[in-house]
Amino acid sequence: MFRKKIKIKLDSFECNLLINGMNEFRNMLLAEDLPTEDVDELLLKLIDVYEK
């Protein structure tokens, strides 16, 4: 099964806001001892795109 890819355009402020929000969510998951693999993967993608 293939997943549909979605592209959105963000300015630097919006990208930073999204990265910070995802990081806060990851921290909440860690505090509750829940898995963070999916959030980690998405965060790495966001950071990679932002640095380009």
C-alpha atoms as a PDB file:
ATOM      1  CA  MET A   1       0.000   0.000   0.000  1.00  0.00           C
ATOM      2  CA  PHE A   2       1.336   3.417  -0.933  1.00  0.00           C
ATOM      3  CA  ARG A   3       0.871   6.495   1.199  1.00  0.00           C
ATOM      4  CA  LYS A   4      -0.131   9.759  -0.381  1.00  0.00           C
ATOM      5  CA  LYS A   5       2.516  12.462   0.001  1.00  0.00           C
ATOM      6  CA  ILE A   6       1.410  15.965   0.898  1.00  0.00           C
ATOM      7  CA  LYS A   7       3.505  19.088   0.399  1.00  0.00           C
ATOM      8  CA  ILE A   8       2.929  22.341   2.249  1.00  0.00           C
ATOM      9  CA  LYS A   9       4.824  25.603   2.114  1.00  0.00           C
ATOM     10  CA  LEU A  10       5.890  27.168   5.405  1.00  0.00           C
ATOM     11  CA  ASP A  11       7.893  30.277   6.148  1.00  0.00           C
ATOM     12  CA  SER A  12      10.697  30.074   8.698  1.00  0.00           C
ATOM     13  CA  PHE A  13       8.462  31.187  11.600  1.00  0.00           C
ATOM     14  CA  GLU A  14       5.833  28.558  10.818  1.00  0.00           C
ATOM     15  CA  CYS A  15       8.467  25.852  10.433  1.00  0.00           C
ATOM     16  CA  ASN A  16      10.062  26.766  13.774  1.00  0.00           C
ATOM     17  CA  LEU A  17       6.636  26.765  15.416  1.00  0.00           C
ATOM     18  CA  LEU A  18       5.868  23.311  14.026  1.00  0.00           C
ATOM     19  CA  ILE A  19       9.248  21.896  15.083  1.00  0.00           C
ATOM     20  CA  ASN A  20       8.926  23.341  18.599  1.00  0.00           C
ATOM     21  CA  GLY A  21       5.371  22.023  18.943  1.00  0.00           C
ATOM     22  CA  MET A  22       6.389  18.545  17.812  1.00  0.00           C
ATOM     23  CA  ASN A  23       9.326  18.604  20.236  1.00  0.00           C
ATOM     24  CA  GLU A  24       7.016  19.565  23.127  1.00  0.00           C
ATOM     25  CA  PHE A  25       4.691  16.706  22.157  1.00  0.00           C
ATOM     26  CA  ARG A  26       7.695  14.340  22.085  1.00  0.00           C
ATOM     27  CA  ASN A  27       8.710  15.520  25.562  1.00  0.00           C
ATOM     28  CA  MET A  28       5.185  14.831  26.837  1.00  0.00           C
ATOM     29  CA  LEU A  29       5.333  11.305  25.407  1.00  0.00           C
ATOM     30  CA  LEU A  30       8.714  10.716  27.043  1.00  0.00           C
ATOM     31  CA  ALA A  31       7.397  11.944  30.406  1.00  0.00           C
ATOM     32  CA  GLU A  32       4.544   9.430  30.159  1.00  0.00           C
ATOM     33  CA  ASP A  33       6.936   6.655  29.042  1.00  0.00           C
ATOM     34  CA  LEU A  34       5.158   6.260  25.689  1.00  0.00           C
ATOM     35  CA  PRO A  35       6.808   5.411  22.347  1.00  0.00           C
ATOM     36  CA  THR A  36       8.141   8.353  20.331  1.00  0.00           C
ATOM     37  CA  GLU A  37       9.339   6.653  17.130  1.00  0.00           C
ATOM     38  CA  ASP A  38       6.726   8.203  14.833  1.00  0.00           C
ATOM     39  CA  VAL A  39       7.196  11.675  16.282  1.00  0.00           C
ATOM     40  CA  ASP A  40      10.984  11.288  16.052  1.00  0.00           C
ATOM     41  CA  GLU A  41      10.736  10.362  12.366  1.00  0.00           C
ATOM     42  CA  LEU A  42       8.524  13.342  11.583  1.00  0.00           C
ATOM     43  CA  LEU A  43      10.738  15.725  13.557  1.00  0.00           C
ATOM     44  CA  LEU A  44      13.819  14.564  11.673  1.00  0.00           C
ATOM     45  CA  LYS A  45      12.042  15.130   8.348  1.00  0.00           C
ATOM     46  CA  LEU A  46      10.975  18.623   9.387  1.00  0.00           C
ATOM     47  CA  ILE A  47      14.456  19.563  10.586  1.00  0.00           C
ATOM     48  CA  ASP A  48      16.035  18.181   7.420  1.00  0.00           C
ATOM     49  CA  VAL A  49      13.705  20.198   5.176  1.00  0.00           C
ATOM     50  CA  TYR A  50      14.166  23.354   7.277  1.00  0.00           C
ATOM     51  CA  GLU A  51      17.970  23.183   7.040  1.00  0.00           C
ATOM     52  CA  LYS A  52      17.931  23.030   3.213  1.00  0.00           C
END
